[in-house]
Structure formats: C-alpha cells, structure tokens
PDB file of N, CA and C in Angstrom:
ATOM      1  N   UNK A   1     137.500 -39.336  42.421  1.00  0.00           N
ATOM      2  CA  UNK A   1     136.922 -40.900  42.834  1.00  0.00           C
ATOM      3  C   UNK A   1     137.237 -41.778  41.650  1.00  0.00           C
ATOM      4  N   UNK A   2     137.458 -43.096  42.129  1.00  0.00           N
ATOM      5  CA  UNK A   2     137.995 -44.246  41.083  1.00  0.00           C
ATOM      6  C   UNK A   2     136.812 -44.978  40.708  1.00  0.00           C
ATOM      7  N   UNK A   3     136.671 -45.252  39.367  1.00  0.00           N
ATOM      8  CA  UNK A   3     135.505 -45.811  39.008  1.00  0.00           C
ATOM      9  C   UNK A   3     135.722 -47.322  39.645  1.00  0.00           C
ATOM     10  N   UNK A   4     134.215 -48.041  39.558  1.00  0.00           N
ATOM     11  CA  UNK A   4     134.080 -49.458  39.820  1.00  0.00           C
ATOM     12  C   UNK A   4     134.281 -50.508  38.763  1.00  0.00           C
ATOM     13  N   UNK A   5     135.182 -51.501  39.117  1.00  0.00           N
ATOM     14  CA  UNK A   5     134.785 -52.749  37.914  1.00  0.00           C
ATOM     15  C   UNK A   5     133.809 -53.004  37.623  1.00  0.00           C
ATOM     16  N   UNK A   6     133.519 -53.245  36.375  1.00  0.00           N
ATOM     17  CA  UNK A   6     132.180 -53.956  35.740  1.00  0.00           C
ATOM     18  C   UNK A   6     132.508 -55.419  35.976  1.00  0.00           C
ATOM     19  N   UNK A   7     131.427 -55.999  36.503  1.00  0.00           N
ATOM     20  CA  UNK A   7     131.456 -57.529  36.755  1.00  0.00           C
ATOM     21  C   UNK A   7     130.923 -58.399  35.777  1.00  0.00           C
ATOM     22  N   UNK A   8     131.738 -59.190  35.319  1.00  0.00           N
ATOM     23  CA  UNK A   8     131.435 -60.431  34.510  1.00  0.00           C
ATOM     24  C   UNK A   8     131.613 -61.667  35.047  1.00  0.00           C
ATOM     25  N   UNK A   9     130.369 -62.627  34.742  1.00  0.00           N
ATOM     26  CA  UNK A   9     130.571 -64.047  35.444  1.00  0.00           C
ATOM     27  C   UNK A   9     130.643 -64.984  34.461  1.00  0.00           C
ATOM     28  N   UNK A  10     131.005 -65.874  34.684  1.00  0.00           N
ATOM     29  CA  UNK A  10     131.270 -67.191  33.889  1.00  0.00           C
ATOM     30  C   UNK A  10     130.160 -68.217  34.153  1.00  0.00           C
ATOM     31  N   UNK A  11     129.902 -68.895  33.277  1.00  0.00           N
ATOM     32  CA  UNK A  11     128.667 -69.966  33.366  1.00  0.00           C
ATOM     33  C   UNK A  11     128.759 -70.814  34.641  1.00  0.00           C
ATOM     34  N   UNK A  12     129.899 -71.221  34.866  1.00  0.00           N
ATOM     35  CA  UNK A  12     130.233 -72.066  36.094  1.00  0.00           C
ATOM     36  C   UNK A  12     129.958 -71.282  37.260  1.00  0.00           C
ATOM     37  N   UNK A  13     130.198 -70.026  37.543  1.00  0.00           N
ATOM     38  CA  UNK A  13     130.050 -69.058  38.524  1.00  0.00           C
ATOM     39  C   UNK A  13     128.564 -69.049  38.697  1.00  0.00           C
ATOM     40  N   UNK A  14     127.713 -68.686  37.440  1.00  0.00           N
ATOM     41  CA  UNK A  14     126.509 -68.309  37.487  1.00  0.00           C
ATOM     42  C   UNK A  14     125.625 -69.691  38.492  1.00  0.00           C
ATOM     43  N   UNK A  15     126.041 -70.669  37.812  1.00  0.00           N
ATOM     44  CA  UNK A  15     125.392 -71.916  38.118  1.00  0.00           C
ATOM     45  C   UNK A  15     125.706 -72.272  39.847  1.00  0.00           C
ATOM     46  N   UNK A  16     127.049 -72.057  40.170  1.00  0.00           N
ATOM     47  CA  UNK A  16     127.234 -72.050  41.349  1.00  0.00           C
ATOM     48  C   UNK A  16     126.558 -71.085  42.510  1.00  0.00           C
ATOM     49  N   UNK A  17     126.286 -70.006  42.006  1.00  0.00           N
ATOM     50  CA  UNK A  17     125.553 -69.068  42.670  1.00  0.00           C
ATOM     51  C   UNK A  17     124.140 -69.254  42.749  1.00  0.00           C
ATOM     52  N   UNK A  18     123.353 -69.830  41.687  1.00  0.00           N
ATOM     53  CA  UNK A  18     122.140 -70.186  41.840  1.00  0.00           C
ATOM     54  C   UNK A  18     122.013 -71.207  42.709  1.00  0.00           C
ATOM     55  N   UNK A  19     122.978 -72.292  42.878  1.00  0.00           N
ATOM     56  CA  UNK A  19     122.823 -73.367  43.860  1.00  0.00           C
ATOM     57  C   UNK A  19     123.021 -72.856  45.248  1.00  0.00           C
ATOM     58  N   UNK A  20     123.743 -71.985  45.340  1.00  0.00           N
ATOM     59  CA  UNK A  20     124.165 -71.402  46.827  1.00  0.00           C
ATOM     60  C   UNK A  20     122.979 -70.920  47.123  1.00  0.00           C
ATOM     61  N   UNK A  21     122.248 -69.920  46.499  1.00  0.00           N
ATOM     62  CA  UNK A  21     121.101 -69.093  46.727  1.00  0.00           C
ATOM     63  C   UNK A  21     119.764 -70.111  47.159  1.00  0.00           C
ATOM     64  N   UNK A  22     119.872 -71.136  46.177  1.00  0.00           N
ATOM     65  CA  UNK A  22     118.711 -72.183  46.592  1.00  0.00           C
ATOM     66  C   UNK A  22     118.943 -72.944  47.814  1.00  0.00           C
ATOM     67  N   UNK A  23     120.289 -73.036  48.420  1.00  0.00           N
ATOM     68  CA  UNK A  23     120.279 -73.659  49.497  1.00  0.00           C
ATOM     69  C   UNK A  23     119.926 -73.088  50.887  1.00  0.00           C
ATOM     70  N   UNK A  24     120.376 -73.712  52.019  1.00  0.00           N
ATOM     71  CA  UNK A  24     119.856 -73.275  53.177  1.00  0.00           C
ATOM     72  C   UNK A  24     121.157 -72.407  53.767  1.00  0.00           C
ATOM     73  N   UNK A  25     121.962 -71.444  53.278  1.00  0.00           N
ATOM     74  CA  UNK A  25     122.906 -70.931  53.734  1.00  0.00           C
ATOM     75  C   UNK A  25     122.890 -69.398  53.289  1.00  0.00           C
ATOM     76  N   UNK A  26     121.947 -68.740  54.052  1.00  0.00           N
ATOM     77  CA  UNK A  26     121.819 -67.356  53.540  1.00  0.00           C
ATOM     78  C   UNK A  26     122.748 -66.374  53.935  1.00  0.00           C
ATOM     79  N   UNK A  27     123.513 -66.672  54.969  1.00  0.00           N
ATOM     80  CA  UNK A  27     124.602 -66.072  55.516  1.00  0.00           C
ATOM     81  C   UNK A  27     125.872 -66.117  54.464  1.00  0.00           C
ATOM     82  N   UNK A  28     125.944 -67.018  53.898  1.00  0.00           N
ATOM     83  CA  UNK A  28     126.923 -67.352  52.770  1.00  0.00           C
ATOM     84  C   UNK A  28     126.780 -66.352  51.596  1.00  0.00           C
ATOM     85  N   UNK A  29     125.427 -65.996  51.102  1.00  0.00           N
ATOM     86  CA  UNK A  29     124.993 -65.238  50.267  1.00  0.00           C
ATOM     87  C   UNK A  29     125.371 -63.802  50.490  1.00  0.00           C
ATOM     88  N   UNK A  30     125.187 -63.276  51.875  1.00  0.00           N
ATOM     89  CA  UNK A  30     125.444 -62.272  52.495  1.00  0.00           C
ATOM     90  C   UNK A  30     126.863 -61.774  52.446  1.00  0.00           C
ATOM     91  N   UNK A  31     127.414 -62.952  52.755  1.00  0.00           N
ATOM     92  CA  UNK A  31     129.038 -62.587  52.878  1.00  0.00           C
ATOM     93  C   UNK A  31     129.566 -62.458  51.582  1.00  0.00           C
ATOM     94  N   UNK A  32     129.284 -63.246  50.566  1.00  0.00           N
ATOM     95  CA  UNK A  32     129.772 -63.275  49.247  1.00  0.00           C
ATOM     96  C   UNK A  32     129.301 -61.784  48.571  1.00  0.00           C
ATOM     97  N   UNK A  33     128.121 -61.463  48.952  1.00  0.00           N
ATOM     98  CA  UNK A  33     127.758 -60.000  48.570  1.00  0.00           C
ATOM     99  C   UNK A  33     128.795 -58.890  48.913  1.00  0.00           C
ATOM    100  N   UNK A  34     129.179 -59.033  50.304  1.00  0.00           N
ATOM    101  CA  UNK A  34     130.143 -58.262  50.753  1.00  0.00           C
ATOM    102  C   UNK A  34     131.489 -58.210  50.183  1.00  0.00           C
ATOM    103  N   UNK A  35     131.989 -59.298  49.667  1.00  0.00           N
ATOM    104  CA  UNK A  35     133.173 -59.608  49.215  1.00  0.00           C
ATOM    105  C   UNK A  35     133.095 -59.143  47.731  1.00  0.00           C
ATOM    106  N   UNK A  36     132.158 -59.434  46.811  1.00  0.00           N
ATOM    107  CA  UNK A  36     131.969 -58.767  45.590  1.00  0.00           C
ATOM    108  C   UNK A  36     131.659 -57.388  45.599  1.00  0.00           C
ATOM    109  N   UNK A  37     131.066 -56.765  46.575  1.00  0.00           N
ATOM    110  CA  UNK A  37     131.149 -55.256  46.515  1.00  0.00           C
ATOM    111  C   UNK A  37     132.428 -54.583  46.743  1.00  0.00           C
ATOM    112  N   UNK A  38     133.097 -55.238  47.687  1.00  0.00           N
ATOM    113  CA  UNK A  38     134.514 -54.867  48.050  1.00  0.00           C
ATOM    114  C   UNK A  38     135.542 -54.723  46.659  1.00  0.00           C
ATOM    115  N   UNK A  39     135.346 -55.834  46.246  1.00  0.00           N
ATOM    116  CA  UNK A  39     136.408 -56.016  44.929  1.00  0.00           C
ATOM    117  C   UNK A  39     135.911 -55.214  43.606  1.00  0.00           C
ATOM    118  N   UNK A  40     134.403 -55.155  43.473  1.00  0.00           N
ATOM    119  CA  UNK A  40     134.198 -54.313  42.385  1.00  0.00           C
ATOM    120  C   UNK A  40     134.217 -52.863  42.585  1.00  0.00           C
ATOM    121  N   UNK A  41     134.458 -52.286  44.042  1.00  0.00           N
ATOM    122  CA  UNK A  41     134.880 -51.013  44.211  1.00  0.00           C
ATOM    123  C   UNK A  41     136.376 -50.813  44.373  1.00  0.00           C
ATOM    124  N   UNK A  42     137.275 -51.802  44.082  1.00  0.00           N
ATOM    125  CA  UNK A  42     138.683 -51.763  43.892  1.00  0.00           C
ATOM    126  C   UNK A  42     139.296 -51.625  45.268  1.00  0.00           C
ATOM    127  N   UNK A  43     138.627 -52.387  46.431  1.00  0.00           N
ATOM    128  CA  UNK A  43     139.021 -52.285  47.811  1.00  0.00           C
ATOM    129  C   UNK A  43     139.746 -53.319  48.072  1.00  0.00           C
ATOM    130  N   UNK A  44     140.605 -53.545  49.085  1.00  0.00           N
ATOM    131  CA  UNK A  44     141.462 -54.526  49.425  1.00  0.00           C
ATOM    132  C   UNK A  44     140.764 -55.493  50.320  1.00  0.00           C
ATOM    133  N   UNK A  45     140.615 -56.623  50.270  1.00  0.00           N
ATOM    134  CA  UNK A  45     139.940 -57.364  51.084  1.00  0.00           C
ATOM    135  C   UNK A  45     140.582 -57.652  52.526  1.00  0.00           C
ATOM    136  N   UNK A  46     139.519 -57.679  53.370  1.00  0.00           N
ATOM    137  CA  UNK A  46     140.533 -58.122  54.792  1.00  0.00           C
ATOM    138  C   UNK A  46     140.859 -59.420  54.714  1.00  0.00           C
ATOM    139  N   UNK A  47     141.901 -59.601  55.638  1.00  0.00           N
ATOM    140  CA  UNK A  47     142.823 -60.478  55.898  1.00  0.00           C
ATOM    141  C   UNK A  47     141.776 -62.046  56.111  1.00  0.00           C
ATOM    142  N   UNK A  48     141.026 -61.697  56.499  1.00  0.00           N
ATOM    143  CA  UNK A  48     140.104 -63.142  56.973  1.00  0.00           C
ATOM    144  C   UNK A  48     139.657 -63.632  55.831  1.00  0.00           C
ATOM    145  N   UNK A  49     139.549 -63.189  54.547  1.00  0.00           N
ATOM    146  CA  UNK A  49     139.149 -63.750  53.364  1.00  0.00           C
ATOM    147  C   UNK A  49     140.279 -64.678  52.825  1.00  0.00           C
ATOM    148  N   UNK A  50     141.743 -64.293  53.341  1.00  0.00           N
ATOM    149  CA  UNK A  50     142.739 -65.034  52.770  1.00  0.00           C
ATOM    150  C   UNK A  50     142.695 -65.360  51.028  1.00  0.00           C
ATOM    151  N   UNK A  51     142.853 -63.786  50.725  1.00  0.00           N
ATOM    152  CA  UNK A  51     142.918 -63.461  49.261  1.00  0.00           C
ATOM    153  C   UNK A  51     144.411 -63.856  48.803  1.00  0.00           C
ATOM    154  N   UNK A  52     144.600 -64.405  47.548  1.00  0.00           N
ATOM    155  CA  UNK A  52     145.929 -64.929  47.159  1.00  0.00           C
ATOM    156  C   UNK A  52     145.758 -65.225  45.701  1.00  0.00           C
ATOM    157  N   UNK A  53     147.004 -64.996  44.885  1.00  0.00           N
ATOM    158  CA  UNK A  53     147.244 -65.349  43.555  1.00  0.00           C
ATOM    159  C   UNK A  53     147.230 -67.081  43.481  1.00  0.00           C
ATOM    160  N   UNK A  54     146.858 -67.434  42.349  1.00  0.00           N
ATOM    161  CA  UNK A  54     146.758 -68.726  42.161  1.00  0.00           C
ATOM    162  C   UNK A  54     148.044 -69.051  41.040  1.00  0.00           C
ATOM    163  N   UNK A  55     148.514 -70.325  41.060  1.00  0.00           N
ATOM    164  CA  UNK A  55     149.639 -70.539  39.937  1.00  0.00           C
ATOM    165  C   UNK A  55     149.306 -71.814  39.350  1.00  0.00           C
ATOM    166  N   UNK A  56     150.096 -72.032  38.577  1.00  0.00           N
ATOM    167  CA  UNK A  56     149.959 -73.207  37.486  1.00  0.00           C
ATOM    168  C   UNK A  56     149.040 -72.848  36.554  1.00  0.00           C
ATOM    169  N   UNK A  57     148.105 -74.057  36.274  1.00  0.00           N
ATOM    170  CA  UNK A  57     147.107 -73.744  35.270  1.00  0.00           C
ATOM    171  C   UNK A  57     146.396 -72.699  35.423  1.00  0.00           C
ATOM    172  N   UNK A  58     146.089 -72.294  36.548  1.00  0.00           N
ATOM    173  CA  UNK A  58     145.084 -71.096  37.065  1.00  0.00           C
ATOM    174  C   UNK A  58     145.923 -69.807  37.373  1.00  0.00           C
ATOM    175  N   UNK A  59     147.177 -69.632  36.854  1.00  0.00           N
ATOM    176  CA  UNK A  59     147.862 -68.448  36.992  1.00  0.00           C
ATOM    177  C   UNK A  59     147.297 -67.407  36.317  1.00  0.00           C
ATOM    178  N   UNK A  60     147.053 -65.936  36.810  1.00  0.00           N
ATOM    179  CA  UNK A  60     146.326 -65.111  36.505  1.00  0.00           C
ATOM    180  C   UNK A  60     144.999 -64.958  37.141  1.00  0.00           C
ATOM    181  N   UNK A  61     144.467 -66.093  37.854  1.00  0.00           N
ATOM    182  CA  UNK A  61     143.363 -66.131  38.737  1.00  0.00           C
ATOM    183  C   UNK A  61     143.633 -65.797  39.958  1.00  0.00           C
ATOM    184  N   UNK A  62     142.690 -65.338  40.961  1.00  0.00           N
ATOM    185  CA  UNK A  62     142.903 -65.174  42.321  1.00  0.00           C
ATOM    186  C   UNK A  62     141.806 -65.925  43.005  1.00  0.00           C
ATOM    187  N   UNK A  63     142.072 -66.441  44.359  1.00  0.00           N
ATOM    188  CA  UNK A  63     141.010 -66.967  45.230  1.00  0.00           C
ATOM    189  C   UNK A  63     140.971 -66.301  46.481  1.00  0.00           C
ATOM    190  N   UNK A  64     139.654 -66.316  46.776  1.00  0.00           N
ATOM    191  CA  UNK A  64     139.433 -65.869  48.423  1.00  0.00           C
ATOM    192  C   UNK A  64     138.489 -66.761  49.196  1.00  0.00           C
ATOM    193  N   UNK A  65     138.542 -66.749  50.583  1.00  0.00           N
ATOM    194  CA  UNK A  65     137.792 -67.550  50.860  1.00  0.00           C
ATOM    195  C   UNK A  65     136.787 -66.857  51.700  1.00  0.00           C
ATOM    196  N   UNK A  66     135.457 -66.912  51.277  1.00  0.00           N
ATOM    197  CA  UNK A  66     134.133 -66.171  51.507  1.00  0.00           C
ATOM    198  C   UNK A  66     133.988 -66.737  52.871  1.00  0.00           C
ATOM    199  N   UNK A  67     133.754 -68.087  52.898  1.00  0.00           N
ATOM    200  CA  UNK A  67     133.666 -68.648  54.544  1.00  0.00           C
ATOM    201  C   UNK A  67     134.889 -69.645  54.283  1.00  0.00           C
ATOM    202  N   UNK A  68     135.042 -70.342  55.383  1.00  0.00           N
ATOM    203  CA  UNK A  68     136.221 -71.412  55.478  1.00  0.00           C
ATOM    204  C   UNK A  68     136.094 -72.359  54.225  1.00  0.00           C
ATOM    205  N   UNK A  69     135.146 -72.863  53.872  1.00  0.00           N
ATOM    206  CA  UNK A  69     135.027 -73.798  52.935  1.00  0.00           C
ATOM    207  C   UNK A  69     134.078 -73.400  51.443  1.00  0.00           C
ATOM    208  N   UNK A  70     133.844 -72.001  51.454  1.00  0.00           N
ATOM    209  CA  UNK A  70     133.298 -71.358  50.377  1.00  0.00           C
ATOM    210  C   UNK A  70     134.291 -70.483  49.561  1.00  0.00           C
ATOM    211  N   UNK A  71     134.998 -70.847  48.650  1.00  0.00           N
ATOM    212  CA  UNK A  71     135.731 -70.317  47.624  1.00  0.00           C
ATOM    213  C   UNK A  71     135.039 -69.521  46.644  1.00  0.00           C
ATOM    214  N   UNK A  72     136.048 -68.372  46.328  1.00  0.00           N
ATOM    215  CA  UNK A  72     135.722 -67.507  45.175  1.00  0.00           C
ATOM    216  C   UNK A  72     136.831 -67.454  44.290  1.00  0.00           C
ATOM    217  N   UNK A  73     136.628 -67.963  43.133  1.00  0.00           N
ATOM    218  CA  UNK A  73     137.771 -67.880  42.132  1.00  0.00           C
ATOM    219  C   UNK A  73     137.339 -66.594  41.261  1.00  0.00           C
ATOM    220  N   UNK A  74     138.330 -65.684  41.120  1.00  0.00           N
ATOM    221  CA  UNK A  74     138.095 -64.455  40.362  1.00  0.00           C
ATOM    222  C   UNK A  74     139.366 -63.957  39.648  1.00  0.00           C
ATOM    223  N   UNK A  75     139.273 -63.045  38.547  1.00  0.00           N
ATOM    224  CA  UNK A  75     140.318 -62.474  37.928  1.00  0.00           C
ATOM    225  C   UNK A  75     140.002 -60.907  37.876  1.00  0.00           C
ATOM    226  N   UNK A  76     140.992 -60.202  37.798  1.00  0.00           N
ATOM    227  CA  UNK A  76     140.652 -58.792  37.513  1.00  0.00           C
ATOM    228  C   UNK A  76     141.541 -58.237  36.188  1.00  0.00           C
ATOM    229  N   UNK A  77     140.642 -57.747  35.305  1.00  0.00           N
ATOM    230  CA  UNK A  77     141.083 -57.135  34.058  1.00  0.00           C
ATOM    231  C   UNK A  77     141.284 -55.867  33.898  1.00  0.00           C
ATOM    232  N   UNK A  78     142.288 -55.143  34.537  1.00  0.00           N
ATOM    233  CA  UNK A  78     142.441 -54.024  34.874  1.00  0.00           C
ATOM    234  C   UNK A  78     142.396 -53.124  33.294  1.00  0.00           C
ATOM    235  N   UNK A  79     142.783 -53.641  32.356  1.00  0.00           N
ATOM    236  CA  UNK A  79     142.763 -52.950  30.942  1.00  0.00           C
ATOM    237  C   UNK A  79     141.277 -52.373  30.616  1.00  0.00           C
ATOM    238  N   UNK A  80     140.429 -53.458  30.840  1.00  0.00           N
ATOM    239  CA  UNK A  80     139.027 -53.395  30.466  1.00  0.00           C
ATOM    240  C   UNK A  80     138.221 -53.049  31.516  1.00  0.00           C
ATOM    241  N   UNK A  81     138.605 -52.659  32.882  1.00  0.00           N
ATOM    242  CA  UNK A  81     138.055 -52.630  34.012  1.00  0.00           C
ATOM    243  C   UNK A  81     136.883 -53.662  34.307  1.00  0.00           C
ATOM    244  N   UNK A  82     137.313 -54.711  34.282  1.00  0.00           N
ATOM    245  CA  UNK A  82     136.392 -55.895  34.420  1.00  0.00           C
ATOM    246  C   UNK A  82     136.906 -56.850  35.840  1.00  0.00           C
ATOM    247  N   UNK A  83     135.962 -57.118  36.798  1.00  0.00           N
ATOM    248  CA  UNK A  83     135.897 -58.127  37.703  1.00  0.00           C
ATOM    249  C   UNK A  83     135.396 -59.395  37.003  1.00  0.00           C
ATOM    250  N   UNK A  84     136.263 -60.365  36.708  1.00  0.00           N
ATOM    251  CA  UNK A  84     135.754 -61.616  36.263  1.00  0.00           C
ATOM    252  C   UNK A  84     135.448 -62.681  37.235  1.00  0.00           C
ATOM    253  N   UNK A  85     134.253 -63.129  37.276  1.00  0.00           N
ATOM    254  CA  UNK A  85     133.875 -64.133  38.338  1.00  0.00           C
ATOM    255  C   UNK A  85     134.007 -65.514  37.897  1.00  0.00           C
ATOM    256  N   UNK A  86     135.020 -66.315  38.238  1.00  0.00           N
ATOM    257  CA  UNK A  86     135.091 -67.749  37.533  1.00  0.00           C
ATOM    258  C   UNK A  86     134.243 -68.783  38.168  1.00  0.00           C
ATOM    259  N   UNK A  87     134.558 -69.104  39.296  1.00  0.00           N
ATOM    260  CA  UNK A  87     133.681 -69.962  39.992  1.00  0.00           C
ATOM    261  C   UNK A  87     133.654 -69.805  41.532  1.00  0.00           C
ATOM    262  N   UNK A  88     132.709 -70.656  42.149  1.00  0.00           N
ATOM    263  CA  UNK A  88     132.533 -70.511  43.459  1.00  0.00           C
ATOM    264  C   UNK A  88     132.108 -72.037  44.110  1.00  0.00           C
ATOM    265  N   UNK A  89     132.694 -72.365  45.440  1.00  0.00           N
ATOM    266  CA  UNK A  89     132.442 -73.523  45.531  1.00  0.00           C
ATOM    267  C   UNK A  89     133.447 -74.236  46.877  1.00  0.00           C
ATOM    268  N   UNK A  90     133.358 -75.227  47.301  1.00  0.00           N
ATOM    269  CA  UNK A  90     134.199 -75.823  48.196  1.00  0.00           C
ATOM    270  C   UNK A  90     135.483 -76.022  47.623  1.00  0.00           C
ATOM    271  N   UNK A  91     136.722 -76.162  48.281  1.00  0.00           N
ATOM    272  CA  UNK A  91     137.871 -76.546  47.825  1.00  0.00           C
ATOM    273  C   UNK A  91     137.959 -77.812  47.225  1.00  0.00           C
ATOM    274  N   UNK A  92     137.142 -78.670  47.503  1.00  0.00           N
ATOM    275  CA  UNK A  92     137.112 -80.009  46.678  1.00  0.00           C
ATOM    276  C   UNK A  92     136.224 -79.818  45.519  1.00  0.00           C
ATOM    277  N   UNK A  93     135.184 -78.992  45.604  1.00  0.00           N
ATOM    278  CA  UNK A  93     134.461 -78.793  44.112  1.00  0.00           C
ATOM    279  C   UNK A  93     135.284 -78.052  43.175  1.00  0.00           C
ATOM    280  N   UNK A  94     136.095 -77.170  43.543  1.00  0.00           N
ATOM    281  CA  UNK A  94     136.924 -76.400  42.724  1.00  0.00           C
ATOM    282  C   UNK A  94     138.166 -77.102  42.248  1.00  0.00           C
ATOM    283  N   UNK A  95     139.118 -77.792  43.084  1.00  0.00           N
ATOM    284  CA  UNK A  95     140.101 -78.042  42.536  1.00  0.00           C
ATOM    285  C   UNK A  95     140.120 -79.718  42.645  1.00  0.00           C
ATOM    286  N   UNK A  96     139.205 -80.411  43.008  1.00  0.00           N
ATOM    287  CA  UNK A  96     139.193 -82.183  42.889  1.00  0.00           C
ATOM    288  C   UNK A  96     139.779 -82.608  44.191  1.00  0.00           C
TER     289      UNK A  96
END
C-alpha cells in the first residue's frame, strides 16, 4: 500500500479557502475536497479537472480546474512526501 502525501498549505491558499467556505458555493467546497483527497492519495485526477503543468514563472507548479472558473494551484514534493497547496481562485484572481 502506498502512503499518502502530507498536505502543506500556503498562506494565500488558506485565505482563499476561508473565503470560499464563507461564500454561498458549498458544492465548490465539496468538489475541492474530492480533488484534494485524490491528490493526497496519489491518484490521477479525472480528465474533467484539466490537470496540467505550468510553465514560466510557475514552472514546478500544477493547476487543475476544480470547477470551470475555480482553479487550484499546487505542487508535489515527492522527496518529502508533500502536497503543497499554493492558491485557489478564478483564472483572473490567480493570473491577473
């Protein structure tokens, strides 16, 4: 049995999650939970999440679409067994 990744969160992710949880979109929180569970269990995300590597300044990070305009920015540190959650938000919020 493979072990799970330990989750580490950045300040910007925690702030965005708090705002999402306060909002009126409980289905988004549920969908995010499903994505985080899959990632932490080292599972491949379904194609609907459009998971992909980022390039340029964000090389080393990945992005997936929790919902069409709710993106999760994350990185996996396999050496230390960490799933690093960088940020959460709309495309405009994350990339300007």
